[in-house]
């Protein structure tokens, strides 16, 4: 799969890794997946839950160089056997709902307890932070 679903800081070109994605991928469509989104502090964390009544909103990207980009993002997200265990984020293939149907996409999902974090009810991180900034 060459598709990556991004829902947080990777959507922002002010983020160096978001800028890398903007230069090395093509935005295909907006999408969403069943789950919950949390404010982890400087970034969000999403939990995939196919039984949830809420969605995480984001964008589907087609990566130009799949392996190289995923390796770079794995390091950024702290994912892999050489990273602190358990990983804060894990990379998984998930089903993302789009206007044209469902796509299987790679996504970085939060992998630690979320009980102390604020649930972002809208599931839309960019909308959420735009309201937090004075």
C-alpha atoms as a PDB file:
ATOM      1  CA  UNK A   1       0.000   0.000   0.000  1.00  0.00           C
ATOM      2  CA  UNK A   2       1.351   3.406  -0.971  1.00  0.00           C
ATOM      3  CA  UNK A   3      -1.313   5.283   0.993  1.00  0.00           C
ATOM      4  CA  UNK A   4      -0.693   7.084   4.271  1.00  0.00           C
ATOM      5  CA  UNK A   5      -3.438   8.595   6.429  1.00  0.00           C
ATOM      6  CA  UNK A   6      -2.353  11.709   8.355  1.00  0.00           C
ATOM      7  CA  UNK A   7      -4.502  13.353  11.019  1.00  0.00           C
ATOM      8  CA  UNK A   8      -2.213  15.590  13.079  1.00  0.00           C
ATOM      9  CA  UNK A   9       0.975  17.614  12.821  1.00  0.00           C
ATOM     10  CA  UNK A  10       2.000  15.782   9.623  1.00  0.00           C
ATOM     11  CA  UNK A  11      -0.755  17.782   7.885  1.00  0.00           C
ATOM     12  CA  UNK A  12       1.122  21.005   8.631  1.00  0.00           C
ATOM     13  CA  UNK A  13       3.885  22.282   6.354  1.00  0.00           C
ATOM     14  CA  UNK A  14       5.319  24.174   9.362  1.00  0.00           C
ATOM     15  CA  UNK A  15       6.329  20.744  10.660  1.00  0.00           C
ATOM     16  CA  UNK A  16       9.547  19.635   8.865  1.00  0.00           C
ATOM     17  CA  UNK A  17       8.155  16.121   8.379  1.00  0.00           C
ATOM     18  CA  UNK A  18       4.858  17.561   7.158  1.00  0.00           C
ATOM     19  CA  UNK A  19       6.855  19.619   4.667  1.00  0.00           C
ATOM     20  CA  UNK A  20       8.721  16.468   3.574  1.00  0.00           C
ATOM     21  CA  UNK A  21       5.371  14.761   2.985  1.00  0.00           C
ATOM     22  CA  UNK A  22       4.081  17.754   1.012  1.00  0.00           C
ATOM     23  CA  UNK A  23       7.128  17.471  -1.257  1.00  0.00           C
ATOM     24  CA  UNK A  24       7.173  13.640  -1.539  1.00  0.00           C
ATOM     25  CA  UNK A  25       3.520  12.681  -1.787  1.00  0.00           C
ATOM     26  CA  UNK A  26       0.276  13.570  -3.504  1.00  0.00           C
ATOM     27  CA  UNK A  27      -2.832  14.366  -1.499  1.00  0.00           C
ATOM     28  CA  UNK A  28      -5.525  12.011  -2.779  1.00  0.00           C
ATOM     29  CA  UNK A  29      -8.582  12.909  -0.701  1.00  0.00           C
ATOM     30  CA  UNK A  30      -9.939  13.712   2.718  1.00  0.00           C
ATOM     31  CA  UNK A  31     -10.848  10.695   4.809  1.00  0.00           C
ATOM     32  CA  UNK A  32     -11.837   9.418   8.205  1.00  0.00           C
ATOM     33  CA  UNK A  33     -11.666   6.270  10.273  1.00  0.00           C
ATOM     34  CA  UNK A  34     -13.680   5.005  13.211  1.00  0.00           C
ATOM     35  CA  UNK A  35     -11.873   5.814  16.419  1.00  0.00           C
ATOM     36  CA  UNK A  36     -11.022   8.501  18.924  1.00  0.00           C
ATOM     37  CA  UNK A  37      -8.591  11.413  18.830  1.00  0.00           C
ATOM     38  CA  UNK A  38      -6.796  12.805  21.882  1.00  0.00           C
ATOM     39  CA  UNK A  39      -4.782  15.922  22.670  1.00  0.00           C
ATOM     40  CA  UNK A  40      -1.452  14.468  23.841  1.00  0.00           C
ATOM     41  CA  UNK A  41       0.111  17.920  24.293  1.00  0.00           C
ATOM     42  CA  UNK A  42       2.222  19.129  21.359  1.00  0.00           C
ATOM     43  CA  UNK A  43       0.486  16.637  18.999  1.00  0.00           C
ATOM     44  CA  UNK A  44      -2.563  14.370  18.823  1.00  0.00           C
ATOM     45  CA  UNK A  45      -2.870  10.631  19.230  1.00  0.00           C
ATOM     46  CA  UNK A  46      -5.506   8.542  17.480  1.00  0.00           C
ATOM     47  CA  UNK A  47      -6.939   5.221  18.579  1.00  0.00           C
ATOM     48  CA  UNK A  48      -8.470   2.975  15.904  1.00  0.00           C
ATOM     49  CA  UNK A  49     -11.748   1.385  17.006  1.00  0.00           C
ATOM     50  CA  UNK A  50     -13.994  -0.049  14.301  1.00  0.00           C
ATOM     51  CA  UNK A  51     -16.889  -0.149  16.815  1.00  0.00           C
ATOM     52  CA  UNK A  52     -16.657   3.563  17.707  1.00  0.00           C
ATOM     53  CA  UNK A  53     -19.419   6.017  16.899  1.00  0.00           C
ATOM     54  CA  UNK A  54     -16.817   8.760  16.413  1.00  0.00           C
ATOM     55  CA  UNK A  55     -14.289   9.378  13.659  1.00  0.00           C
ATOM     56  CA  UNK A  56     -10.760  10.662  13.274  1.00  0.00           C
ATOM     57  CA  UNK A  57     -10.569  13.132  10.356  1.00  0.00           C
ATOM     58  CA  UNK A  58      -7.558  13.611   8.104  1.00  0.00           C
ATOM     59  CA  UNK A  59      -6.038  13.270   4.644  1.00  0.00           C
ATOM     60  CA  UNK A  60      -5.012  10.343   2.476  1.00  0.00           C
ATOM     61  CA  UNK A  61      -1.635  10.770   0.796  1.00  0.00           C
ATOM     62  CA  UNK A  62      -0.075   8.681  -1.955  1.00  0.00           C
ATOM     63  CA  UNK A  63       3.618   8.353  -1.108  1.00  0.00           C
ATOM     64  CA  UNK A  64       6.104   8.711  -3.971  1.00  0.00           C
ATOM     65  CA  UNK A  65       8.805   6.653  -2.204  1.00  0.00           C
ATOM     66  CA  UNK A  66       7.019   4.321   0.198  1.00  0.00           C
ATOM     67  CA  UNK A  67       9.921   2.585   1.993  1.00  0.00           C
ATOM     68  CA  UNK A  68      12.096   5.676   2.389  1.00  0.00           C
ATOM     69  CA  UNK A  69       9.247   7.868   3.608  1.00  0.00           C
ATOM     70  CA  UNK A  70       7.939   5.269   6.054  1.00  0.00           C
ATOM     71  CA  UNK A  71      11.464   4.751   7.449  1.00  0.00           C
ATOM     72  CA  UNK A  72      11.791   8.503   7.992  1.00  0.00           C
ATOM     73  CA  UNK A  73       8.363   8.728   9.619  1.00  0.00           C
ATOM     74  CA  UNK A  74       8.993   5.646  11.779  1.00  0.00           C
ATOM     75  CA  UNK A  75      11.934   7.494  13.306  1.00  0.00           C
ATOM     76  CA  UNK A  76       9.882  10.673  13.774  1.00  0.00           C
ATOM     77  CA  UNK A  77       7.019   8.747  15.396  1.00  0.00           C
ATOM     78  CA  UNK A  78       9.357   6.645  17.567  1.00  0.00           C
ATOM     79  CA  UNK A  79       8.171   3.398  16.007  1.00  0.00           C
ATOM     80  CA  UNK A  80      10.346   0.303  15.745  1.00  0.00           C
ATOM     81  CA  UNK A  81      12.228  -2.316  17.697  1.00  0.00           C
ATOM     82  CA  UNK A  82      15.165   0.031  18.368  1.00  0.00           C
ATOM     83  CA  UNK A  83      12.881   2.697  19.894  1.00  0.00           C
ATOM     84  CA  UNK A  84      11.735   2.924  23.522  1.00  0.00           C
ATOM     85  CA  UNK A  85       9.293   0.136  24.309  1.00  0.00           C
ATOM     86  CA  UNK A  86       6.397   0.152  24.241  1.00  0.00           C
ATOM     87  CA  UNK A  87       6.382   2.466  21.236  1.00  0.00           C
ATOM     88  CA  UNK A  88       4.317   5.608  21.741  1.00  0.00           C
ATOM     89  CA  UNK A  89       2.969   5.162  18.213  1.00  0.00           C
ATOM     90  CA  UNK A  90       2.594   2.067  16.066  1.00  0.00           C
ATOM     91  CA  UNK A  91       2.237   1.974  12.285  1.00  0.00           C
ATOM     92  CA  UNK A  92      -0.701  -0.119  11.103  1.00  0.00           C
ATOM     93  CA  UNK A  93      -2.756  -0.672   7.976  1.00  0.00           C
ATOM     94  CA  UNK A  94      -6.310   0.534   8.619  1.00  0.00           C
ATOM     95  CA  UNK A  95      -9.483   1.080   6.607  1.00  0.00           C
ATOM     96  CA  UNK A  96     -10.094   4.746   5.836  1.00  0.00           C
ATOM     97  CA  UNK A  97     -13.486   5.926   4.582  1.00  0.00           C
ATOM     98  CA  UNK A  98     -13.331   8.345   1.645  1.00  0.00           C
ATOM     99  CA  UNK A  99     -15.956   9.838  -0.636  1.00  0.00           C
ATOM    100  CA  UNK A 100     -15.092   7.223  -3.295  1.00  0.00           C
ATOM    101  CA  UNK A 101     -15.138   4.227  -0.906  1.00  0.00           C
ATOM    102  CA  UNK A 102     -12.713   2.629   1.528  1.00  0.00           C
ATOM    103  CA  UNK A 103      -8.926   2.680   1.151  1.00  0.00           C
ATOM    104  CA  UNK A 104      -6.368   0.713   3.110  1.00  0.00           C
ATOM    105  CA  UNK A 105      -3.804   3.158   4.446  1.00  0.00           C
ATOM    106  CA  UNK A 106      -0.827   3.178   6.742  1.00  0.00           C
ATOM    107  CA  UNK A 107      -1.470   5.241   9.867  1.00  0.00           C
ATOM    108  CA  UNK A 108       0.450   6.006  13.044  1.00  0.00           C
ATOM    109  CA  UNK A 109      -1.800   5.148  15.980  1.00  0.00           C
ATOM    110  CA  UNK A 110      -1.294   6.039  19.615  1.00  0.00           C
ATOM    111  CA  UNK A 111      -0.155   3.029  21.622  1.00  0.00           C
ATOM    112  CA  UNK A 112      -0.179   4.207  25.256  1.00  0.00           C
ATOM    113  CA  UNK A 113      -2.985   4.870  27.786  1.00  0.00           C
ATOM    114  CA  UNK A 114      -5.102   7.946  27.037  1.00  0.00           C
ATOM    115  CA  UNK A 115      -7.010   8.297  30.325  1.00  0.00           C
ATOM    116  CA  UNK A 116      -5.217  11.552  31.253  1.00  0.00           C
ATOM    117  CA  UNK A 117      -5.683  13.262  27.874  1.00  0.00           C
ATOM    118  CA  UNK A 118      -8.480  15.394  26.442  1.00  0.00           C
ATOM    119  CA  UNK A 119     -10.697  13.647  23.897  1.00  0.00           C
ATOM    120  CA  UNK A 120     -11.014  15.789  20.749  1.00  0.00           C
ATOM    121  CA  UNK A 121     -14.726  15.246  20.131  1.00  0.00           C
ATOM    122  CA  UNK A 122     -14.729  16.545  16.550  1.00  0.00           C
ATOM    123  CA  UNK A 123     -11.945  14.142  15.535  1.00  0.00           C
ATOM    124  CA  UNK A 124     -10.415  17.026  13.566  1.00  0.00           C
ATOM    125  CA  UNK A 125      -7.031  18.104  14.965  1.00  0.00           C
ATOM    126  CA  UNK A 126      -6.508  21.110  12.682  1.00  0.00           C
ATOM    127  CA  UNK A 127      -9.922  22.522  13.594  1.00  0.00           C
ATOM    128  CA  UNK A 128      -9.260  21.817  17.264  1.00  0.00           C
ATOM    129  CA  UNK A 129      -5.900  23.636  17.406  1.00  0.00           C
ATOM    130  CA  UNK A 130      -7.236  26.587  15.397  1.00  0.00           C
ATOM    131  CA  UNK A 131      -9.740  27.159  18.217  1.00  0.00           C
ATOM    132  CA  UNK A 132      -7.061  26.783  20.929  1.00  0.00           C
ATOM    133  CA  UNK A 133      -4.770  29.457  19.452  1.00  0.00           C
ATOM    134  CA  UNK A 134      -5.729  32.908  20.793  1.00  0.00           C
END
